[in-house]
Amino acid sequence: LAALDADDARLAGLVAALDARRAEVVARLEPAARTRDERTRASRGGRAVAAIEKGACGGCFRGLPPHALQEARRRDRLIACDGCGRLVMLPPGDAPGA
């Protein structure tokens, strides 16, 4: 039990650090983007962003149209899922053109 408690405390520290980092990033967003992010987080259980997995939104698993996948590969603008409204992006390890 002591090992589990220590692991729980470590993970709580990581979550707190990530929450602080998120707050810093959100503070730099334009007001419209910040409002959209907060609204989506509130309605989607705290998750406003989802990874693209096998050509679909990782949040609701709805397939993304080919043009959205191309835009995601270019990484030059934000892409929203038509199904759930989350922002979707390729995972960091998926390089454009790969």
PDB file of N, CA and C in Angstrom:
ATOM      1  N   LEU A   1       0.816  -1.196   0.000  1.00  0.00           N
ATOM      2  CA  LEU A   1       0.000   0.000   0.000  1.00  0.00           C
ATOM      3  C   LEU A   1       0.859   1.259   0.000  1.00  0.00           C
ATOM      4  N   ALA A   2       1.991   1.194   0.673  1.00  0.00           N
ATOM      5  CA  ALA A   2       2.876   2.355   0.725  1.00  0.00           C
ATOM      6  C   ALA A   2       3.412   2.683  -0.671  1.00  0.00           C
ATOM      7  N   ALA A   3       3.724   1.652  -1.448  1.00  0.00           N
ATOM      8  CA  ALA A   3       4.217   1.874  -2.814  1.00  0.00           C
ATOM      9  C   ALA A   3       3.135   2.509  -3.682  1.00  0.00           C
ATOM     10  N   LEU A   4       1.894   2.058  -3.501  1.00  0.00           N
ATOM     11  CA  LEU A   4       0.783   2.644  -4.256  1.00  0.00           C
ATOM     12  C   LEU A   4       0.546   4.097  -3.858  1.00  0.00           C
ATOM     13  N   ASP A   5       0.652   4.370  -2.569  1.00  0.00           N
ATOM     14  CA  ASP A   5       0.486   5.748  -2.101  1.00  0.00           C
ATOM     15  C   ASP A   5       1.584   6.653  -2.668  1.00  0.00           C
ATOM     16  N   ALA A   6       2.807   6.144  -2.701  1.00  0.00           N
ATOM     17  CA  ALA A   6       3.920   6.928  -3.247  1.00  0.00           C
ATOM     18  C   ALA A   6       3.719   7.171  -4.733  1.00  0.00           C
ATOM     19  N   ASP A   7       3.260   6.146  -5.441  1.00  0.00           N
ATOM     20  CA  ASP A   7       3.006   6.294  -6.872  1.00  0.00           C
ATOM     21  C   ASP A   7       1.861   7.275  -7.120  1.00  0.00           C
ATOM     22  N   ASP A   8       0.843   7.208  -6.281  1.00  0.00           N
ATOM     23  CA  ASP A   8      -0.287   8.130  -6.392  1.00  0.00           C
ATOM     24  C   ASP A   8       0.167   9.571  -6.169  1.00  0.00           C
ATOM     25  N   ALA A   9       1.008   9.789  -5.186  1.00  0.00           N
ATOM     26  CA  ALA A   9       1.521  11.135  -4.911  1.00  0.00           C
ATOM     27  C   ALA A   9       2.380  11.637  -6.070  1.00  0.00           C
ATOM     28  N   ARG A  10       3.180  10.764  -6.645  1.00  0.00           N
ATOM     29  CA  ARG A  10       4.024  11.138  -7.786  1.00  0.00           C
ATOM     30  C   ARG A  10       3.153  11.531  -8.972  1.00  0.00           C
ATOM     31  N   LEU A  11       2.142  10.735  -9.254  1.00  0.00           N
ATOM     32  CA  LEU A  11       1.246  11.033 -10.375  1.00  0.00           C
ATOM     33  C   LEU A  11       0.450  12.314 -10.133  1.00  0.00           C
ATOM     34  N   ALA A  12       0.039  12.547  -8.895  1.00  0.00           N
ATOM     35  CA  ALA A  12      -0.672  13.793  -8.578  1.00  0.00           C
ATOM     36  C   ALA A  12       0.228  15.003  -8.818  1.00  0.00           C
ATOM     37  N   GLY A  13       1.500  14.870  -8.518  1.00  0.00           N
ATOM     38  CA  GLY A  13       2.461  15.942  -8.789  1.00  0.00           C
ATOM     39  C   GLY A  13       2.617  16.199 -10.277  1.00  0.00           C
ATOM     40  N   LEU A  14       2.665  15.113 -11.063  1.00  0.00           N
ATOM     41  CA  LEU A  14       2.763  15.265 -12.515  1.00  0.00           C
ATOM     42  C   LEU A  14       1.518  15.952 -13.085  1.00  0.00           C
ATOM     43  N   VAL A  15       0.357  15.563 -12.610  1.00  0.00           N
ATOM     44  CA  VAL A  15      -0.891  16.179 -13.068  1.00  0.00           C
ATOM     45  C   VAL A  15      -0.915  17.663 -12.717  1.00  0.00           C
ATOM     46  N   ALA A  16      -0.485  17.994 -11.515  1.00  0.00           N
ATOM     47  CA  ALA A  16      -0.450  19.404 -11.100  1.00  0.00           C
ATOM     48  C   ALA A  16       0.502  20.209 -11.977  1.00  0.00           C
ATOM     49  N   ALA A  17       1.656  19.635 -12.314  1.00  0.00           N
ATOM     50  CA  ALA A  17       2.616  20.325 -13.179  1.00  0.00           C
ATOM     51  C   ALA A  17       2.044  20.522 -14.577  1.00  0.00           C
ATOM     52  N   LEU A  18       1.372  19.502 -15.099  1.00  0.00           N
ATOM     53  CA  LEU A  18       0.758  19.624 -16.424  1.00  0.00           C
ATOM     54  C   LEU A  18      -0.386  20.631 -16.423  1.00  0.00           C
ATOM     55  N   ASP A  19      -1.156  20.668 -15.349  1.00  0.00           N
ATOM     56  CA  ASP A  19      -2.234  21.657 -15.245  1.00  0.00           C
ATOM     57  C   ASP A  19      -1.670  23.076 -15.223  1.00  0.00           C
ATOM     58  N   ALA A  20      -0.564  23.274 -14.530  1.00  0.00           N
ATOM     59  CA  ALA A  20       0.073  24.597 -14.486  1.00  0.00           C
ATOM     60  C   ALA A  20       0.589  24.982 -15.866  1.00  0.00           C
ATOM     61  N   ARG A  21       1.181  24.030 -16.560  1.00  0.00           N
ATOM     62  CA  ARG A  21       1.675  24.308 -17.919  1.00  0.00           C
ATOM     63  C   ARG A  21       0.514  24.626 -18.848  1.00  0.00           C
ATOM     64  N   ARG A  22      -0.577  23.883 -18.742  1.00  0.00           N
ATOM     65  CA  ARG A  22      -1.751  24.130 -19.567  1.00  0.00           C
ATOM     66  C   ARG A  22      -2.287  25.533 -19.322  1.00  0.00           C
ATOM     67  N   ALA A  23      -2.339  25.944 -18.063  1.00  0.00           N
ATOM     68  CA  ALA A  23      -2.846  27.280 -17.728  1.00  0.00           C
ATOM     69  C   ALA A  23      -1.979  28.363 -18.373  1.00  0.00           C
ATOM     70  N   GLU A  24      -0.664  28.156 -18.411  1.00  0.00           N
ATOM     71  CA  GLU A  24       0.228  29.113 -19.060  1.00  0.00           C
ATOM     72  C   GLU A  24      -0.056  29.204 -20.558  1.00  0.00           C
ATOM     73  N   VAL A  25      -0.251  28.068 -21.194  1.00  0.00           N
ATOM     74  CA  VAL A  25      -0.506  28.044 -22.634  1.00  0.00           C
ATOM     75  C   VAL A  25      -1.867  28.649 -22.952  1.00  0.00           C
ATOM     76  N   VAL A  26      -2.871  28.304 -22.183  1.00  0.00           N
ATOM     77  CA  VAL A  26      -4.218  28.824 -22.422  1.00  0.00           C
ATOM     78  C   VAL A  26      -4.246  30.344 -22.255  1.00  0.00           C
ATOM     79  N   ALA A  27      -3.460  30.863 -21.350  1.00  0.00           N
ATOM     80  CA  ALA A  27      -3.421  32.307 -21.138  1.00  0.00           C
ATOM     81  C   ALA A  27      -2.920  33.053 -22.368  1.00  0.00           C
ATOM     82  N   ARG A  28      -2.134  32.384 -23.213  1.00  0.00           N
ATOM     83  CA  ARG A  28      -1.609  33.020 -24.426  1.00  0.00           C
ATOM     84  C   ARG A  28      -2.558  32.918 -25.613  1.00  0.00           C
ATOM     85  N   LEU A  29      -3.636  32.153 -25.494  1.00  0.00           N
ATOM     86  CA  LEU A  29      -4.585  32.006 -26.598  1.00  0.00           C
ATOM     87  C   LEU A  29      -5.393  33.277 -26.803  1.00  0.00           C
ATOM     88  N   GLU A  30      -5.866  33.434 -28.029  1.00  0.00           N
ATOM     89  CA  GLU A  30      -6.801  34.524 -28.314  1.00  0.00           C
ATOM     90  C   GLU A  30      -8.066  34.266 -27.506  1.00  0.00           C
ATOM     91  N   PRO A  31      -8.802  35.322 -27.145  1.00  0.00           N
ATOM     92  CA  PRO A  31     -10.009  35.135 -26.326  1.00  0.00           C
ATOM     93  C   PRO A  31     -11.019  34.155 -26.934  1.00  0.00           C
ATOM     94  N   ALA A  32     -11.234  34.202 -28.242  1.00  0.00           N
ATOM     95  CA  ALA A  32     -12.200  33.284 -28.869  1.00  0.00           C
ATOM     96  C   ALA A  32     -11.743  31.833 -28.744  1.00  0.00           C
ATOM     97  N   ALA A  33     -10.450  31.584 -28.967  1.00  0.00           N
ATOM     98  CA  ALA A  33      -9.917  30.225 -28.857  1.00  0.00           C
ATOM     99  C   ALA A  33      -9.963  29.738 -27.415  1.00  0.00           C
ATOM    100  N   ARG A  34      -9.676  30.643 -26.476  1.00  0.00           N
ATOM    101  CA  ARG A  34      -9.723  30.281 -25.057  1.00  0.00           C
ATOM    102  C   ARG A  34     -11.144  29.908 -24.640  1.00  0.00           C
ATOM    103  N   THR A  35     -12.119  30.687 -25.095  1.00  0.00           N
ATOM    104  CA  THR A  35     -13.520  30.402 -24.768  1.00  0.00           C
ATOM    105  C   THR A  35     -13.945  29.057 -25.337  1.00  0.00           C
ATOM    106  N   ARG A  36     -13.559  28.798 -26.585  1.00  0.00           N
ATOM    107  CA  ARG A  36     -13.910  27.526 -27.216  1.00  0.00           C
ATOM    108  C   ARG A  36     -13.278  26.361 -26.469  1.00  0.00           C
ATOM    109  N   ASP A  37     -12.007  26.521 -26.083  1.00  0.00           N
ATOM    110  CA  ASP A  37     -11.316  25.466 -25.349  1.00  0.00           C
ATOM    111  C   ASP A  37     -12.014  25.173 -24.029  1.00  0.00           C
ATOM    112  N   GLU A  38     -12.338  26.208 -23.283  1.00  0.00           N
ATOM    113  CA  GLU A  38     -12.986  26.006 -21.985  1.00  0.00           C
ATOM    114  C   GLU A  38     -14.377  25.378 -22.139  1.00  0.00           C
ATOM    115  N   ARG A  39     -15.116  25.812 -23.139  1.00  0.00           N
ATOM    116  CA  ARG A  39     -16.455  25.261 -23.366  1.00  0.00           C
ATOM    117  C   ARG A  39     -16.371  23.780 -23.755  1.00  0.00           C
ATOM    118  N   THR A  40     -15.423  23.458 -24.639  1.00  0.00           N
ATOM    119  CA  THR A  40     -15.255  22.060 -25.060  1.00  0.00           C
ATOM    120  C   THR A  40     -14.794  21.196 -23.899  1.00  0.00           C
ATOM    121  N   ARG A  41     -13.845  21.695 -23.104  1.00  0.00           N
ATOM    122  CA  ARG A  41     -13.380  20.934 -21.941  1.00  0.00           C
ATOM    123  C   ARG A  41     -14.518  20.646 -20.978  1.00  0.00           C
ATOM    124  N   ALA A  42     -15.371  21.643 -20.756  1.00  0.00           N
ATOM    125  CA  ALA A  42     -16.475  21.469 -19.809  1.00  0.00           C
ATOM    126  C   ALA A  42     -17.471  20.428 -20.306  1.00  0.00           C
ATOM    127  N   SER A  43     -17.705  20.393 -21.606  1.00  0.00           N
ATOM    128  CA  SER A  43     -18.710  19.469 -22.132  1.00  0.00           C
ATOM    129  C   SER A  43     -18.147  18.091 -22.464  1.00  0.00           C
ATOM    130  N   ARG A  44     -16.823  17.949 -22.487  1.00  0.00           N
ATOM    131  CA  ARG A  44     -16.206  16.676 -22.881  1.00  0.00           C
ATOM    132  C   ARG A  44     -15.343  16.068 -21.785  1.00  0.00           C
ATOM    133  N   GLY A  45     -15.745  16.241 -20.568  1.00  0.00           N
ATOM    134  CA  GLY A  45     -15.043  15.591 -19.463  1.00  0.00           C
ATOM    135  C   GLY A  45     -13.606  16.045 -19.284  1.00  0.00           C
ATOM    136  N   GLY A  46     -13.317  17.305 -19.576  1.00  0.00           N
ATOM    137  CA  GLY A  46     -11.983  17.836 -19.374  1.00  0.00           C
ATOM    138  C   GLY A  46     -11.022  17.606 -20.515  1.00  0.00           C
ATOM    139  N   ARG A  47     -11.497  17.051 -21.626  1.00  0.00           N
ATOM    140  CA  ARG A  47     -10.604  16.760 -22.752  1.00  0.00           C
ATOM    141  C   ARG A  47     -11.075  17.505 -23.999  1.00  0.00           C
ATOM    142  N   ALA A  48     -10.384  18.604 -24.299  1.00  0.00           N
ATOM    143  CA  ALA A  48     -10.751  19.430 -25.445  1.00  0.00           C
ATOM    144  C   ALA A  48      -9.937  19.080 -26.684  1.00  0.00           C
ATOM    145  N   VAL A  49      -8.902  18.272 -26.529  1.00  0.00           N
ATOM    146  CA  VAL A  49      -8.028  17.908 -27.639  1.00  0.00           C
ATOM    147  C   VAL A  49      -7.940  16.392 -27.706  1.00  0.00           C
ATOM    148  N   ALA A  50      -7.946  15.857 -28.933  1.00  0.00           N
ATOM    149  CA  ALA A  50      -7.828  14.413 -29.124  1.00  0.00           C
ATOM    150  C   ALA A  50      -6.815  14.128 -30.224  1.00  0.00           C
ATOM    151  N   ALA A  51      -6.152  13.013 -30.122  1.00  0.00           N
ATOM    152  CA  ALA A  51      -5.205  12.589 -31.149  1.00  0.00           C
ATOM    153  C   ALA A  51      -5.968  11.968 -32.314  1.00  0.00           C
ATOM    154  N   ILE A  52      -5.412  12.101 -33.494  1.00  0.00           N
ATOM    155  CA  ILE A  52      -5.969  11.417 -34.662  1.00  0.00           C
ATOM    156  C   ILE A  52      -5.404  10.008 -34.657  1.00  0.00           C
ATOM    157  N   GLU A  53      -6.285   9.035 -34.634  1.00  0.00           N
ATOM    158  CA  GLU A  53      -5.887   7.627 -34.596  1.00  0.00           C
ATOM    159  C   GLU A  53      -6.551   6.891 -35.744  1.00  0.00           C
ATOM    160  N   LYS A  54      -5.740   6.345 -36.636  1.00  0.00           N
ATOM    161  CA  LYS A  54      -6.241   5.587 -37.784  1.00  0.00           C
ATOM    162  C   LYS A  54      -7.247   6.390 -38.595  1.00  0.00           C
ATOM    163  N   GLY A  55      -6.971   7.664 -38.784  1.00  0.00           N
ATOM    164  CA  GLY A  55      -7.822   8.520 -39.604  1.00  0.00           C
ATOM    165  C   GLY A  55      -9.103   8.964 -38.938  1.00  0.00           C
ATOM    166  N   ALA A  56      -9.201   8.780 -37.622  1.00  0.00           N
ATOM    167  CA  ALA A  56     -10.422   9.147 -36.900  1.00  0.00           C
ATOM    168  C   ALA A  56     -10.075   9.947 -35.654  1.00  0.00           C
ATOM    169  N   CYS A  57     -11.067  10.655 -35.148  1.00  0.00           N
ATOM    170  CA  CYS A  57     -10.922  11.394 -33.894  1.00  0.00           C
ATOM    171  C   CYS A  57     -10.716  10.397 -32.763  1.00  0.00           C
ATOM    172  N   GLY A  58      -9.710  10.629 -31.954  1.00  0.00           N
ATOM    173  CA  GLY A  58      -9.447   9.746 -30.814  1.00  0.00           C
ATOM    174  C   GLY A  58     -10.415   9.944 -29.669  1.00  0.00           C
ATOM    175  N   GLY A  59     -11.265  10.969 -29.747  1.00  0.00           N
ATOM    176  CA  GLY A  59     -12.243  11.225 -28.695  1.00  0.00           C
ATOM    177  C   GLY A  59     -13.565  10.527 -28.948  1.00  0.00           C
ATOM    178  N   CYS A  60     -14.090  10.675 -30.186  1.00  0.00           N
ATOM    179  CA  CYS A  60     -15.405  10.092 -30.491  1.00  0.00           C
ATOM    180  C   CYS A  60     -15.327   8.996 -31.553  1.00  0.00           C
ATOM    181  N   PHE A  61     -14.140   8.808 -32.141  1.00  0.00           N
ATOM    182  CA  PHE A  61     -13.858   7.761 -33.122  1.00  0.00           C
ATOM    183  C   PHE A  61     -14.583   7.956 -34.450  1.00  0.00           C
ATOM    184  N   ARG A  62     -15.031   9.176 -34.710  1.00  0.00           N
ATOM    185  CA  ARG A  62     -15.649   9.479 -35.998  1.00  0.00           C
ATOM    186  C   ARG A  62     -14.535   9.694 -37.021  1.00  0.00           C
ATOM    187  N   GLY A  63     -14.716   9.112 -38.207  1.00  0.00           N
ATOM    188  CA  GLY A  63     -13.719   9.263 -39.261  1.00  0.00           C
ATOM    189  C   GLY A  63     -13.614  10.715 -39.715  1.00  0.00           C
ATOM    190  N   LEU A  64     -12.390  11.143 -39.987  1.00  0.00           N
ATOM    191  CA  LEU A  64     -12.162  12.498 -40.459  1.00  0.00           C
ATOM    192  C   LEU A  64     -12.091  12.502 -41.981  1.00  0.00           C
ATOM    193  N   PRO A  65     -12.602  13.558 -42.617  1.00  0.00           N
ATOM    194  CA  PRO A  65     -12.528  13.618 -44.078  1.00  0.00           C
ATOM    195  C   PRO A  65     -11.080  13.743 -44.540  1.00  0.00           C
ATOM    196  N   PRO A  66     -10.803  13.297 -45.766  1.00  0.00           N
ATOM    197  CA  PRO A  66      -9.422  13.339 -46.268  1.00  0.00           C
ATOM    198  C   PRO A  66      -8.789  14.728 -46.213  1.00  0.00           C
ATOM    199  N   HIS A  67      -9.554  15.779 -46.508  1.00  0.00           N
ATOM    200  CA  HIS A  67      -8.963  17.118 -46.486  1.00  0.00           C
ATOM    201  C   HIS A  67      -8.539  17.517 -45.067  1.00  0.00           C
ATOM    202  N   ALA A  68      -9.262  17.075 -44.058  1.00  0.00           N
ATOM    203  CA  ALA A  68      -8.890  17.374 -42.678  1.00  0.00           C
ATOM    204  C   ALA A  68      -7.600  16.650 -42.309  1.00  0.00           C
ATOM    205  N   LEU A  69      -7.442  15.423 -42.790  1.00  0.00           N
ATOM    206  CA  LEU A  69      -6.206  14.677 -42.518  1.00  0.00           C
ATOM    207  C   LEU A  69      -5.013  15.351 -43.195  1.00  0.00           C
ATOM    208  N   GLN A  70      -5.208  15.853 -44.408  1.00  0.00           N
ATOM    209  CA  GLN A  70      -4.128  16.569 -45.098  1.00  0.00           C
ATOM    210  C   GLN A  70      -3.743  17.832 -44.330  1.00  0.00           C
ATOM    211  N   GLU A  71      -4.739  18.577 -43.858  1.00  0.00           N
ATOM    212  CA  GLU A  71      -4.461  19.789 -43.094  1.00  0.00           C
ATOM    213  C   GLU A  71      -3.752  19.456 -41.783  1.00  0.00           C
ATOM    214  N   ALA A  72      -4.135  18.344 -41.162  1.00  0.00           N
ATOM    215  CA  ALA A  72      -3.485  17.926 -39.914  1.00  0.00           C
ATOM    216  C   ALA A  72      -2.018  17.581 -40.168  1.00  0.00           C
ATOM    217  N   ARG A  73      -1.729  16.969 -41.311  1.00  0.00           N
ATOM    218  CA  ARG A  73      -0.338  16.631 -41.637  1.00  0.00           C
ATOM    219  C   ARG A  73       0.513  17.878 -41.839  1.00  0.00           C
ATOM    220  N   ARG A  74      -0.109  18.942 -42.388  1.00  0.00           N
ATOM    221  CA  ARG A  74       0.640  20.188 -42.606  1.00  0.00           C
ATOM    222  C   ARG A  74       0.902  20.920 -41.290  1.00  0.00           C
ATOM    223  N   ARG A  75       0.060  20.689 -40.302  1.00  0.00           N
ATOM    224  CA  ARG A  75       0.207  21.304 -38.978  1.00  0.00           C
ATOM    225  C   ARG A  75       0.250  22.830 -39.024  1.00  0.00           C
ATOM    226  N   ASP A  76      -0.540  23.419 -39.914  1.00  0.00           N
ATOM    227  CA  ASP A  76      -0.509  24.875 -40.016  1.00  0.00           C
ATOM    228  C   ASP A  76      -1.796  25.548 -39.541  1.00  0.00           C
ATOM    229  N   ARG A  77      -2.783  24.768 -39.147  1.00  0.00           N
ATOM    230  CA  ARG A  77      -4.003  25.344 -38.593  1.00  0.00           C
ATOM    231  C   ARG A  77      -4.690  24.336 -37.684  1.00  0.00           C
ATOM    232  N   LEU A  78      -5.634  24.826 -36.896  1.00  0.00           N
ATOM    233  CA  LEU A  78      -6.368  23.960 -35.971  1.00  0.00           C
ATOM    234  C   LEU A  78      -7.485  23.242 -36.710  1.00  0.00           C
ATOM    235  N   ILE A  79      -7.676  21.980 -36.397  1.00  0.00           N
ATOM    236  CA  ILE A  79      -8.714  21.159 -37.015  1.00  0.00           C
ATOM    237  C   ILE A  79      -9.660  20.716 -35.906  1.00  0.00           C
ATOM    238  N   ALA A  80     -10.955  20.905 -36.122  1.00  0.00           N
ATOM    239  CA  ALA A  80     -11.955  20.470 -35.146  1.00  0.00           C
ATOM    240  C   ALA A  80     -12.711  19.269 -35.699  1.00  0.00           C
ATOM    241  N   CYS A  81     -13.026  18.328 -34.836  1.00  0.00           N
ATOM    242  CA  CYS A  81     -13.819  17.166 -35.213  1.00  0.00           C
ATOM    243  C   CYS A  81     -15.263  17.603 -35.440  1.00  0.00           C
ATOM    244  N   ASP A  82     -15.848  17.166 -36.547  1.00  0.00           N
ATOM    245  CA  ASP A  82     -17.242  17.492 -36.831  1.00  0.00           C
ATOM    246  C   ASP A  82     -18.200  16.743 -35.911  1.00  0.00           C
ATOM    247  N   GLY A  83     -17.726  15.655 -35.316  1.00  0.00           N
ATOM    248  CA  GLY A  83     -18.584  14.856 -34.456  1.00  0.00           C
ATOM    249  C   GLY A  83     -18.695  15.373 -33.034  1.00  0.00           C
ATOM    250  N   CYS A  84     -17.560  15.633 -32.403  1.00  0.00           N
ATOM    251  CA  CYS A  84     -17.579  16.002 -30.984  1.00  0.00           C
ATOM    252  C   CYS A  84     -17.110  17.422 -30.708  1.00  0.00           C
ATOM    253  N   GLY A  85     -16.505  18.074 -31.697  1.00  0.00           N
ATOM    254  CA  GLY A  85     -16.050  19.441 -31.517  1.00  0.00           C
ATOM    255  C   GLY A  85     -14.661  19.580 -30.922  1.00  0.00           C
ATOM    256  N   ARG A  86     -14.030  18.468 -30.547  1.00  0.00           N
ATOM    257  CA  ARG A  86     -12.681  18.554 -30.004  1.00  0.00           C
ATOM    258  C   ARG A  86     -11.703  18.983 -31.090  1.00  0.00           C
ATOM    259  N   LEU A  87     -10.624  19.638 -30.673  1.00  0.00           N
ATOM    260  CA  LEU A  87      -9.528  19.889 -31.595  1.00  0.00           C
ATOM    261  C   LEU A  87      -8.807  18.566 -31.778  1.00  0.00           C
ATOM    262  N   VAL A  88      -8.453  18.247 -33.017  1.00  0.00           N
ATOM    263  CA  VAL A  88      -7.759  16.992 -33.281  1.00  0.00           C
ATOM    264  C   VAL A  88      -6.407  17.306 -33.889  1.00  0.00           C
ATOM    265  N   MET A  89      -5.438  16.465 -33.559  1.00  0.00           N
ATOM    266  CA  MET A  89      -4.090  16.639 -34.082  1.00  0.00           C
ATOM    267  C   MET A  89      -3.405  15.289 -34.148  1.00  0.00           C
ATOM    268  N   LEU A  90      -2.429  15.223 -35.019  1.00  0.00           N
ATOM    269  CA  LEU A  90      -1.611  14.004 -35.093  1.00  0.00           C
ATOM    270  C   LEU A  90      -0.728  13.941 -33.860  1.00  0.00           C
ATOM    271  N   PRO A  91      -0.479  12.767 -33.342  1.00  0.00           N
ATOM    272  CA  PRO A  91       0.426  12.637 -32.196  1.00  0.00           C
ATOM    273  C   PRO A  91       1.801  13.182 -32.551  1.00  0.00           C
ATOM    274  N   PRO A  92       2.557  13.678 -31.572  1.00  0.00           N
ATOM    275  CA  PRO A  92       3.870  14.274 -31.841  1.00  0.00           C
ATOM    276  C   PRO A  92       4.829  13.379 -32.617  1.00  0.00           C
ATOM    277  N   GLY A  93       4.758  12.088 -32.452  1.00  0.00           N
ATOM    278  CA  GLY A  93       5.674  11.175 -33.164  1.00  0.00           C
ATOM    279  C   GLY A  93       5.360  10.996 -34.630  1.00  0.00           C
ATOM    280  N   ASP A  94       4.168  11.402 -35.070  1.00  0.00           N
ATOM    281  CA  ASP A  94       3.762  11.248 -36.464  1.00  0.00           C
ATOM    282  C   ASP A  94       4.211  12.463 -37.255  1.00  0.00           C
ATOM    283  N   ALA A  95       5.341  12.333 -37.913  1.00  0.00           N
ATOM    284  CA  ALA A  95       5.904  13.449 -38.681  1.00  0.00           C
ATOM    285  C   ALA A  95       5.076  13.687 -39.933  1.00  0.00           C
ATOM    286  N   PRO A  96       4.977  14.933 -40.388  1.00  0.00           N
ATOM    287  CA  PRO A  96       4.276  15.208 -41.650  1.00  0.00           C
ATOM    288  C   PRO A  96       4.889  14.406 -42.784  1.00  0.00           C
ATOM    289  N   GLY A  97       4.013  13.850 -43.611  1.00  0.00           N
ATOM    290  CA  GLY A  97       4.459  13.078 -44.756  1.00  0.00           C
ATOM    291  C   GLY A  97       4.854  11.653 -44.427  1.00  0.00           C
ATOM    292  N   ALA A  98       4.780  11.277 -43.157  1.00  0.00           N
ATOM    293  CA  ALA A  98       5.183   9.915 -42.769  1.00  0.00           C
ATOM    294  C   ALA A  98       4.055   8.935 -42.987  1.00  0.00           C
TER     295      ALA A  98
END
